[in-house]
Amino acid sequence: MRSDLRFDFRVDKANSTMTIEKEFAARRQLVWDCYTKSELLDRWFAPKPMTTKTKSMDFREGGHWHYAMVDPGGQEYWGRLDYQTISPIDNFTALDGFCDESGTLDPELPRSNWDVTFTDASERTLVQTVISFKSAAELEKVVEMGMEEGMTSTLERLEELLETLEK
């Protein structure tokens, strides 16, 4: 990750949240597109060496993104993001959860609320993602599953993708 770009990952057990702030050397519209268009999400939304594949995406309030992160051996890890609110190029909120290939949520794994905000920072874009859980125990479960390492690697991939798209 570029050292001149801000990156901060904070876990707040008292409020059952994690906050991720990442600065990108790209225009806000382009960063927004990378978060909201499946053809771009498929190019970065998984930690290395995994890949992402979209099964379906309907980016609108009440819509969803159903996708899988695929490891090099072909094992698929399915997820579903249900969009709640959308304010184009500024913010969206969504419910995130683990599911199966049909989109049925896994009741054994935590579901979280995502609040993703995009702001201009000079010639750069700052993305703040606040992820809220129902309890500190749910938060601790995803931290133990490697959320910080996974998000760090995933955002590094987005940084690399943006460098190719900005040219």
N, C-alpha and C. Protein backbone atom coordinates (compact mmCIF):
# COMPACT_ATOMS: atom_id res chain seq x y z
N MET A 1 0.85 -1.17 0.00
CA MET A 1 0.00 0.00 0.00
C MET A 1 0.89 1.24 0.00
N ARG A 2 0.48 2.24 -0.76
CA ARG A 2 1.28 3.47 -0.83
C ARG A 2 1.31 4.17 0.53
N SER A 3 2.50 4.52 0.97
CA SER A 3 2.65 5.14 2.28
C SER A 3 2.15 6.58 2.32
N ASP A 4 2.01 7.22 1.15
CA ASP A 4 1.53 8.60 1.14
C ASP A 4 0.00 8.69 1.13
N LEU A 5 -0.69 7.57 1.16
CA LEU A 5 -2.14 7.55 1.18
C LEU A 5 -2.63 7.05 2.54
N ARG A 6 -3.54 7.75 3.12
CA ARG A 6 -4.05 7.44 4.45
C ARG A 6 -4.74 6.07 4.48
N PHE A 7 -4.45 5.32 5.54
CA PHE A 7 -5.14 4.06 5.80
C PHE A 7 -5.24 3.90 7.31
N ASP A 8 -6.44 3.67 7.78
CA ASP A 8 -6.66 3.51 9.22
C ASP A 8 -7.74 2.45 9.43
N PHE A 9 -7.48 1.51 10.32
CA PHE A 9 -8.42 0.44 10.65
C PHE A 9 -8.58 0.44 12.16
N ARG A 10 -9.79 0.78 12.64
CA ARG A 10 -10.03 0.86 14.08
C ARG A 10 -11.18 -0.07 14.49
N VAL A 11 -10.98 -0.77 15.58
CA VAL A 11 -12.01 -1.63 16.15
C VAL A 11 -12.45 -0.99 17.47
N ASP A 12 -13.76 -0.79 17.60
CA ASP A 12 -14.34 -0.18 18.81
C ASP A 12 -15.28 -1.21 19.43
N LYS A 13 -14.74 -2.00 20.36
CA LYS A 13 -15.54 -3.07 20.97
C LYS A 13 -16.70 -2.51 21.79
N ALA A 14 -16.51 -1.36 22.41
CA ALA A 14 -17.58 -0.77 23.23
C ALA A 14 -18.82 -0.45 22.40
N ASN A 15 -18.62 -0.07 21.14
CA ASN A 15 -19.75 0.27 20.27
C ASN A 15 -20.01 -0.78 19.19
N SER A 16 -19.29 -1.89 19.25
CA SER A 16 -19.44 -3.01 18.30
C SER A 16 -19.29 -2.54 16.85
N THR A 17 -18.26 -1.71 16.60
CA THR A 17 -18.03 -1.21 15.24
C THR A 17 -16.56 -1.34 14.86
N MET A 18 -16.34 -1.35 13.57
CA MET A 18 -15.00 -1.16 13.04
C MET A 18 -15.11 -0.06 12.00
N THR A 19 -14.08 0.78 11.97
CA THR A 19 -14.05 1.89 11.03
C THR A 19 -12.79 1.77 10.20
N ILE A 20 -13.00 1.81 8.88
CA ILE A 20 -11.88 1.71 7.95
C ILE A 20 -11.86 2.98 7.12
N GLU A 21 -10.75 3.69 7.16
CA GLU A 21 -10.58 4.88 6.35
C GLU A 21 -9.43 4.64 5.39
N LYS A 22 -9.71 4.85 4.10
CA LYS A 22 -8.69 4.61 3.07
C LYS A 22 -8.76 5.74 2.04
N GLU A 23 -7.60 6.31 1.79
CA GLU A 23 -7.49 7.37 0.80
C GLU A 23 -6.96 6.76 -0.50
N PHE A 24 -7.53 7.22 -1.61
CA PHE A 24 -7.13 6.74 -2.93
C PHE A 24 -6.72 7.91 -3.82
N ALA A 25 -5.71 7.69 -4.64
CA ALA A 25 -5.23 8.72 -5.58
C ALA A 25 -6.06 8.62 -6.86
N ALA A 26 -7.35 8.93 -6.73
CA ALA A 26 -8.26 8.84 -7.86
C ALA A 26 -9.46 9.76 -7.61
N ARG A 27 -10.14 10.08 -8.70
CA ARG A 27 -11.35 10.92 -8.62
C ARG A 27 -12.45 10.16 -7.88
N ARG A 28 -13.29 10.91 -7.19
CA ARG A 28 -14.36 10.30 -6.40
C ARG A 28 -15.32 9.49 -7.27
N GLN A 29 -15.67 9.99 -8.45
CA GLN A 29 -16.59 9.24 -9.32
C GLN A 29 -16.02 7.87 -9.67
N LEU A 30 -14.73 7.81 -9.95
CA LEU A 30 -14.11 6.53 -10.30
C LEU A 30 -14.09 5.58 -9.11
N VAL A 31 -13.77 6.10 -7.93
CA VAL A 31 -13.77 5.25 -6.73
C VAL A 31 -15.19 4.75 -6.46
N TRP A 32 -16.18 5.63 -6.57
CA TRP A 32 -17.59 5.25 -6.41
C TRP A 32 -17.94 4.11 -7.38
N ASP A 33 -17.56 4.27 -8.64
CA ASP A 33 -17.85 3.25 -9.64
C ASP A 33 -17.24 1.90 -9.25
N CYS A 34 -16.04 1.93 -8.69
CA CYS A 34 -15.37 0.68 -8.29
C CYS A 34 -16.13 -0.03 -7.17
N TYR A 35 -16.87 0.71 -6.36
CA TYR A 35 -17.66 0.13 -5.28
C TYR A 35 -19.07 -0.26 -5.71
N THR A 36 -19.53 0.24 -6.86
CA THR A 36 -20.95 0.10 -7.18
C THR A 36 -21.23 -0.58 -8.53
N LYS A 37 -20.21 -0.99 -9.25
CA LYS A 37 -20.41 -1.66 -10.54
C LYS A 37 -19.76 -3.04 -10.48
N SER A 38 -20.54 -4.07 -10.77
CA SER A 38 -20.05 -5.44 -10.59
C SER A 38 -18.82 -5.74 -11.44
N GLU A 39 -18.73 -5.19 -12.64
CA GLU A 39 -17.57 -5.49 -13.49
C GLU A 39 -16.28 -4.94 -12.88
N LEU A 40 -16.38 -3.90 -12.06
CA LEU A 40 -15.20 -3.37 -11.35
C LEU A 40 -15.01 -4.08 -10.01
N LEU A 41 -16.08 -4.33 -9.27
CA LEU A 41 -15.97 -5.05 -8.00
C LEU A 41 -15.31 -6.41 -8.21
N ASP A 42 -15.64 -7.06 -9.32
CA ASP A 42 -15.06 -8.39 -9.60
C ASP A 42 -13.54 -8.33 -9.78
N ARG A 43 -13.00 -7.15 -9.99
CA ARG A 43 -11.56 -7.00 -10.22
C ARG A 43 -10.78 -6.71 -8.94
N TRP A 44 -11.50 -6.47 -7.79
CA TRP A 44 -10.73 -6.13 -6.59
C TRP A 44 -11.33 -6.61 -5.27
N PHE A 45 -12.59 -6.94 -5.19
CA PHE A 45 -13.23 -7.15 -3.89
C PHE A 45 -12.98 -8.55 -3.32
N ALA A 46 -11.73 -8.84 -3.03
CA ALA A 46 -11.35 -10.07 -2.34
C ALA A 46 -9.87 -9.95 -1.99
N PRO A 47 -9.48 -10.48 -0.84
CA PRO A 47 -8.06 -10.45 -0.50
C PRO A 47 -7.26 -11.37 -1.44
N LYS A 48 -6.01 -10.98 -1.70
CA LYS A 48 -5.14 -11.82 -2.52
C LYS A 48 -4.90 -13.14 -1.82
N PRO A 49 -4.87 -14.24 -2.51
CA PRO A 49 -4.90 -14.45 -3.96
C PRO A 49 -6.30 -14.78 -4.48
N MET A 50 -7.34 -14.49 -3.70
CA MET A 50 -8.69 -14.83 -4.10
C MET A 50 -9.16 -13.94 -5.26
N THR A 51 -10.23 -14.39 -5.90
CA THR A 51 -10.89 -13.58 -6.93
C THR A 51 -12.35 -13.43 -6.54
N THR A 52 -13.05 -12.56 -7.23
CA THR A 52 -14.46 -12.31 -6.95
C THR A 52 -15.26 -12.57 -8.21
N LYS A 53 -16.44 -13.15 -8.02
CA LYS A 53 -17.37 -13.30 -9.15
C LYS A 53 -18.76 -12.91 -8.68
N THR A 54 -19.41 -12.11 -9.50
CA THR A 54 -20.77 -11.66 -9.20
C THR A 54 -21.78 -12.63 -9.78
N LYS A 55 -22.73 -13.04 -8.96
CA LYS A 55 -23.85 -13.85 -9.46
C LYS A 55 -24.96 -12.93 -9.93
N SER A 56 -25.26 -11.89 -9.12
CA SER A 56 -26.27 -10.90 -9.52
C SER A 56 -26.01 -9.59 -8.78
N MET A 57 -26.36 -8.51 -9.45
CA MET A 57 -26.22 -7.19 -8.82
C MET A 57 -27.31 -6.28 -9.31
N ASP A 58 -27.94 -5.60 -8.36
CA ASP A 58 -28.98 -4.62 -8.64
C ASP A 58 -28.70 -3.45 -7.70
N PHE A 59 -27.87 -2.51 -8.18
CA PHE A 59 -27.45 -1.40 -7.32
C PHE A 59 -28.53 -0.32 -7.30
N ARG A 60 -29.43 -0.48 -6.34
CA ARG A 60 -30.49 0.50 -6.08
C ARG A 60 -30.95 0.26 -4.66
N GLU A 61 -31.65 1.23 -4.08
CA GLU A 61 -32.20 1.03 -2.74
C GLU A 61 -33.17 -0.14 -2.81
N GLY A 62 -32.97 -1.12 -1.94
CA GLY A 62 -33.77 -2.34 -1.96
C GLY A 62 -33.16 -3.43 -2.83
N GLY A 63 -32.10 -3.10 -3.57
CA GLY A 63 -31.41 -4.08 -4.41
C GLY A 63 -30.33 -4.80 -3.62
N HIS A 64 -29.53 -5.59 -4.34
CA HIS A 64 -28.50 -6.38 -3.65
C HIS A 64 -27.33 -6.66 -4.59
N TRP A 65 -26.24 -7.12 -3.98
CA TRP A 65 -25.10 -7.67 -4.70
C TRP A 65 -24.85 -9.06 -4.12
N HIS A 66 -24.95 -10.10 -4.94
CA HIS A 66 -24.72 -11.48 -4.53
C HIS A 66 -23.45 -11.94 -5.24
N TYR A 67 -22.44 -12.31 -4.47
CA TYR A 67 -21.13 -12.57 -5.04
C TYR A 67 -20.43 -13.69 -4.28
N ALA A 68 -19.36 -14.17 -4.88
CA ALA A 68 -18.52 -15.16 -4.22
C ALA A 68 -17.07 -14.71 -4.29
N MET A 69 -16.35 -14.95 -3.21
CA MET A 69 -14.90 -14.84 -3.21
C MET A 69 -14.40 -16.27 -3.44
N VAL A 70 -13.50 -16.43 -4.40
CA VAL A 70 -13.07 -17.76 -4.81
C VAL A 70 -11.58 -17.91 -4.53
N ASP A 71 -11.22 -18.97 -3.78
CA ASP A 71 -9.80 -19.18 -3.50
C ASP A 71 -9.15 -19.90 -4.69
N PRO A 72 -7.81 -19.95 -4.73
CA PRO A 72 -7.13 -20.55 -5.88
C PRO A 72 -7.51 -22.01 -6.14
N GLY A 73 -7.99 -22.71 -5.13
CA GLY A 73 -8.41 -24.09 -5.31
C GLY A 73 -9.84 -24.24 -5.83
N GLY A 74 -10.54 -23.10 -5.98
CA GLY A 74 -11.91 -23.12 -6.50
C GLY A 74 -12.99 -23.08 -5.44
N GLN A 75 -12.61 -23.10 -4.15
CA GLN A 75 -13.60 -23.01 -3.06
C GLN A 75 -14.25 -21.64 -3.09
N GLU A 76 -15.59 -21.61 -3.02
CA GLU A 76 -16.35 -20.36 -3.09
C GLU A 76 -16.88 -19.99 -1.71
N TYR A 77 -16.76 -18.70 -1.38
CA TYR A 77 -17.28 -18.14 -0.12
C TYR A 77 -18.27 -17.05 -0.52
N TRP A 78 -19.56 -17.33 -0.32
CA TRP A 78 -20.62 -16.47 -0.83
C TRP A 78 -20.98 -15.37 0.15
N GLY A 79 -21.32 -14.21 -0.40
CA GLY A 79 -21.75 -13.08 0.39
C GLY A 79 -22.89 -12.36 -0.29
N ARG A 80 -23.62 -11.58 0.50
CA ARG A 80 -24.75 -10.82 -0.02
C ARG A 80 -24.77 -9.46 0.67
N LEU A 81 -24.85 -8.42 -0.14
CA LEU A 81 -24.94 -7.05 0.33
C LEU A 81 -26.30 -6.53 -0.10
N ASP A 82 -27.15 -6.19 0.86
CA ASP A 82 -28.49 -5.65 0.56
C ASP A 82 -28.46 -4.14 0.76
N TYR A 83 -28.64 -3.41 -0.34
CA TYR A 83 -28.54 -1.95 -0.31
C TYR A 83 -29.77 -1.33 0.35
N GLN A 84 -29.51 -0.42 1.30
CA GLN A 84 -30.59 0.25 2.01
C GLN A 84 -30.79 1.67 1.49
N THR A 85 -29.73 2.48 1.55
CA THR A 85 -29.82 3.86 1.06
C THR A 85 -28.67 4.12 0.10
N ILE A 86 -28.94 4.99 -0.88
CA ILE A 86 -27.91 5.36 -1.85
C ILE A 86 -28.02 6.85 -2.12
N SER A 87 -26.91 7.55 -1.94
CA SER A 87 -26.79 8.96 -2.29
C SER A 87 -25.61 9.04 -3.26
N PRO A 88 -25.88 9.00 -4.58
CA PRO A 88 -24.81 8.85 -5.57
C PRO A 88 -23.57 9.71 -5.35
N ILE A 89 -22.47 9.06 -5.46
CA ILE A 89 -21.06 9.40 -5.26
C ILE A 89 -20.73 9.97 -3.89
N ASP A 90 -21.70 9.96 -2.96
CA ASP A 90 -21.46 10.42 -1.59
C ASP A 90 -21.48 9.30 -0.56
N ASN A 91 -22.51 8.43 -0.63
CA ASN A 91 -22.70 7.47 0.45
C ASN A 91 -23.66 6.37 0.02
N PHE A 92 -23.44 5.18 0.58
CA PHE A 92 -24.48 4.15 0.54
C PHE A 92 -24.41 3.37 1.85
N THR A 93 -25.55 2.79 2.21
CA THR A 93 -25.61 1.91 3.38
C THR A 93 -26.15 0.57 2.91
N ALA A 94 -25.73 -0.49 3.59
CA ALA A 94 -26.14 -1.83 3.19
C ALA A 94 -26.01 -2.79 4.36
N LEU A 95 -26.74 -3.89 4.27
CA LEU A 95 -26.60 -5.00 5.20
C LEU A 95 -25.74 -6.04 4.51
N ASP A 96 -24.70 -6.51 5.20
CA ASP A 96 -23.78 -7.48 4.64
C ASP A 96 -23.91 -8.79 5.41
N GLY A 97 -23.84 -9.89 4.68
CA GLY A 97 -23.92 -11.18 5.35
C GLY A 97 -23.33 -12.29 4.51
N PHE A 98 -22.95 -13.36 5.18
CA PHE A 98 -22.48 -14.56 4.52
C PHE A 98 -23.71 -15.37 4.11
N CYS A 99 -23.64 -15.99 2.93
CA CYS A 99 -24.79 -16.74 2.45
C CYS A 99 -24.30 -17.95 1.64
N ASP A 100 -25.25 -18.64 1.04
CA ASP A 100 -24.89 -19.74 0.15
C ASP A 100 -25.07 -19.29 -1.30
N GLU A 101 -24.83 -20.20 -2.22
CA GLU A 101 -24.89 -19.86 -3.64
C GLU A 101 -26.27 -19.37 -4.08
N SER A 102 -27.32 -19.78 -3.36
CA SER A 102 -28.67 -19.35 -3.71
C SER A 102 -29.02 -17.99 -3.09
N GLY A 103 -28.15 -17.48 -2.20
CA GLY A 103 -28.40 -16.19 -1.56
C GLY A 103 -29.02 -16.29 -0.18
N THR A 104 -29.24 -17.51 0.31
CA THR A 104 -29.81 -17.70 1.65
C THR A 104 -28.75 -17.39 2.70
N LEU A 105 -29.07 -16.47 3.59
CA LEU A 105 -28.11 -16.04 4.62
C LEU A 105 -27.78 -17.16 5.58
N ASP A 106 -26.53 -17.19 6.05
CA ASP A 106 -26.05 -18.16 7.02
C ASP A 106 -26.35 -17.61 8.42
N PRO A 107 -27.30 -18.21 9.15
CA PRO A 107 -27.66 -17.70 10.48
C PRO A 107 -26.56 -17.87 11.52
N GLU A 108 -25.56 -18.70 11.22
CA GLU A 108 -24.47 -18.94 12.17
C GLU A 108 -23.40 -17.85 12.14
N LEU A 109 -23.40 -17.04 11.08
CA LEU A 109 -22.38 -16.01 10.93
C LEU A 109 -23.00 -14.62 11.06
N PRO A 110 -22.24 -13.67 11.61
CA PRO A 110 -22.79 -12.33 11.86
C PRO A 110 -23.17 -11.58 10.58
N ARG A 111 -24.22 -10.80 10.69
CA ARG A 111 -24.62 -9.86 9.64
C ARG A 111 -24.28 -8.47 10.16
N SER A 112 -23.83 -7.61 9.28
CA SER A 112 -23.40 -6.28 9.72
C SER A 112 -24.01 -5.19 8.85
N ASN A 113 -24.04 -3.99 9.42
CA ASN A 113 -24.48 -2.80 8.70
C ASN A 113 -23.25 -2.07 8.20
N TRP A 114 -23.23 -1.74 6.91
CA TRP A 114 -22.13 -0.98 6.32
C TRP A 114 -22.62 0.41 5.98
N ASP A 115 -21.84 1.41 6.36
CA ASP A 115 -22.11 2.81 6.02
C ASP A 115 -20.84 3.32 5.33
N VAL A 116 -20.91 3.50 4.01
CA VAL A 116 -19.73 3.82 3.21
C VAL A 116 -19.87 5.24 2.66
N THR A 117 -18.91 6.10 3.02
CA THR A 117 -18.95 7.51 2.64
C THR A 117 -17.73 7.87 1.81
N PHE A 118 -17.96 8.62 0.74
CA PHE A 118 -16.92 9.03 -0.21
C PHE A 118 -16.80 10.55 -0.15
N THR A 119 -15.59 11.07 0.13
CA THR A 119 -15.39 12.51 0.16
C THR A 119 -14.13 12.89 -0.60
N ASP A 120 -14.15 14.10 -1.15
CA ASP A 120 -12.98 14.62 -1.84
C ASP A 120 -11.92 15.01 -0.82
N ALA A 121 -10.68 14.70 -1.14
CA ALA A 121 -9.54 15.06 -0.30
C ALA A 121 -8.46 15.57 -1.24
N SER A 122 -8.58 16.85 -1.62
CA SER A 122 -7.67 17.44 -2.62
C SER A 122 -7.86 16.71 -3.94
N GLU A 123 -6.79 16.16 -4.48
CA GLU A 123 -6.87 15.42 -5.74
C GLU A 123 -7.15 13.93 -5.47
N ARG A 124 -7.54 13.63 -4.28
CA ARG A 124 -7.74 12.25 -3.86
C ARG A 124 -9.16 12.04 -3.36
N THR A 125 -9.48 10.80 -3.03
CA THR A 125 -10.79 10.45 -2.48
C THR A 125 -10.57 9.69 -1.18
N LEU A 126 -11.31 10.07 -0.16
CA LEU A 126 -11.28 9.36 1.12
C LEU A 126 -12.57 8.55 1.24
N VAL A 127 -12.40 7.26 1.49
CA VAL A 127 -13.55 6.38 1.71
C VAL A 127 -13.54 5.97 3.17
N GLN A 128 -14.65 6.25 3.85
CA GLN A 128 -14.80 5.82 5.24
C GLN A 128 -15.90 4.77 5.29
N THR A 129 -15.56 3.60 5.81
CA THR A 129 -16.52 2.51 5.95
C THR A 129 -16.67 2.22 7.44
N VAL A 130 -17.89 2.40 7.94
CA VAL A 130 -18.19 2.06 9.33
C VAL A 130 -19.05 0.81 9.29
N ILE A 131 -18.56 -0.24 9.93
CA ILE A 131 -19.25 -1.53 9.95
C ILE A 131 -19.73 -1.76 11.38
N SER A 132 -21.05 -1.90 11.53
CA SER A 132 -21.66 -2.06 12.85
C SER A 132 -22.21 -3.47 13.01
N PHE A 133 -22.00 -4.02 14.20
CA PHE A 133 -22.48 -5.36 14.52
C PHE A 133 -23.48 -5.28 15.67
N LYS A 134 -24.29 -6.33 15.84
CA LYS A 134 -25.29 -6.35 16.90
C LYS A 134 -24.66 -6.44 18.29
N SER A 135 -23.45 -7.00 18.36
CA SER A 135 -22.81 -7.20 19.66
C SER A 135 -21.30 -7.20 19.52
N ALA A 136 -20.63 -7.01 20.64
CA ALA A 136 -19.17 -7.09 20.65
C ALA A 136 -18.72 -8.50 20.29
N ALA A 137 -19.50 -9.51 20.66
CA ALA A 137 -19.15 -10.90 20.34
C ALA A 137 -19.14 -11.12 18.82
N GLU A 138 -20.12 -10.55 18.12
CA GLU A 138 -20.15 -10.67 16.66
C GLU A 138 -18.96 -9.96 16.04
N LEU A 139 -18.65 -8.78 16.55
CA LEU A 139 -17.49 -8.03 16.07
C LEU A 139 -16.22 -8.86 16.27
N GLU A 140 -16.05 -9.42 17.45
CA GLU A 140 -14.86 -10.20 17.75
C GLU A 140 -14.77 -11.43 16.85
N LYS A 141 -15.91 -12.02 16.48
CA LYS A 141 -15.90 -13.20 15.61
C LYS A 141 -15.31 -12.85 14.24
N VAL A 142 -15.72 -11.72 13.66
CA VAL A 142 -15.18 -11.38 12.33
C VAL A 142 -13.73 -10.91 12.42
N VAL A 143 -13.36 -10.29 13.53
CA VAL A 143 -11.95 -9.92 13.72
C VAL A 143 -11.11 -11.20 13.77
N GLU A 144 -11.58 -12.21 14.50
CA GLU A 144 -10.87 -13.49 14.58
C GLU A 144 -10.82 -14.20 13.23
N MET A 145 -11.81 -13.96 12.38
CA MET A 145 -11.85 -14.57 11.05
C MET A 145 -10.85 -13.90 10.10
N GLY A 146 -10.21 -12.80 10.55
CA GLY A 146 -9.20 -12.15 9.73
C GLY A 146 -9.68 -10.94 8.95
N MET A 147 -10.70 -10.27 9.46
CA MET A 147 -11.27 -9.12 8.75
C MET A 147 -10.24 -8.02 8.47
N GLU A 148 -9.40 -7.70 9.45
CA GLU A 148 -8.43 -6.62 9.23
C GLU A 148 -7.45 -6.97 8.12
N GLU A 149 -6.89 -8.17 8.18
CA GLU A 149 -5.94 -8.58 7.14
C GLU A 149 -6.63 -8.67 5.78
N GLY A 150 -7.84 -9.21 5.77
CA GLY A 150 -8.58 -9.34 4.53
C GLY A 150 -8.92 -8.00 3.90
N MET A 151 -9.39 -7.06 4.72
CA MET A 151 -9.73 -5.73 4.19
C MET A 151 -8.48 -4.97 3.75
N THR A 152 -7.39 -5.14 4.47
CA THR A 152 -6.14 -4.48 4.08
C THR A 152 -5.71 -4.95 2.70
N SER A 153 -5.71 -6.26 2.47
CA SER A 153 -5.32 -6.82 1.19
C SER A 153 -6.31 -6.41 0.09
N THR A 154 -7.59 -6.42 0.41
CA THR A 154 -8.63 -6.05 -0.56
C THR A 154 -8.48 -4.59 -1.00
N LEU A 155 -8.28 -3.70 -0.04
CA LEU A 155 -8.14 -2.28 -0.38
C LEU A 155 -6.84 -2.00 -1.13
N GLU A 156 -5.83 -2.80 -0.86
CA GLU A 156 -4.58 -2.70 -1.63
C GLU A 156 -4.84 -3.04 -3.10
N ARG A 157 -5.67 -4.05 -3.32
CA ARG A 157 -6.04 -4.41 -4.70
C ARG A 157 -6.79 -3.28 -5.38
N LEU A 158 -7.69 -2.63 -4.63
CA LEU A 158 -8.42 -1.50 -5.22
C LEU A 158 -7.46 -0.37 -5.56
N GLU A 159 -6.52 -0.10 -4.67
CA GLU A 159 -5.52 0.94 -4.94
C GLU A 159 -4.76 0.63 -6.25
N GLU A 160 -4.38 -0.62 -6.42
CA GLU A 160 -3.66 -1.03 -7.63
C GLU A 160 -4.54 -0.90 -8.87
N LEU A 161 -5.79 -1.30 -8.77
CA LEU A 161 -6.72 -1.18 -9.88
C LEU A 161 -6.93 0.29 -10.28
N LEU A 162 -7.12 1.13 -9.29
CA LEU A 162 -7.34 2.55 -9.57
C LEU A 162 -6.15 3.18 -10.28
N GLU A 163 -4.94 2.73 -9.94
CA GLU A 163 -3.77 3.26 -10.63
C GLU A 163 -3.80 2.93 -12.11
N THR A 164 -4.34 1.77 -12.48
CA THR A 164 -4.43 1.42 -13.90
C THR A 164 -5.58 2.15 -14.58
N LEU A 165 -6.67 2.38 -13.85
CA LEU A 165 -7.84 3.04 -14.44
C LEU A 165 -7.66 4.55 -14.57
N GLU A 166 -6.86 5.16 -13.70
CA GLU A 166 -6.67 6.61 -13.67
C GLU A 166 -5.79 7.08 -14.82
N LYS A 167 -5.05 6.17 -15.44
CA LYS A 167 -4.09 6.58 -16.49
C LYS A 167 -4.79 6.96 -17.77
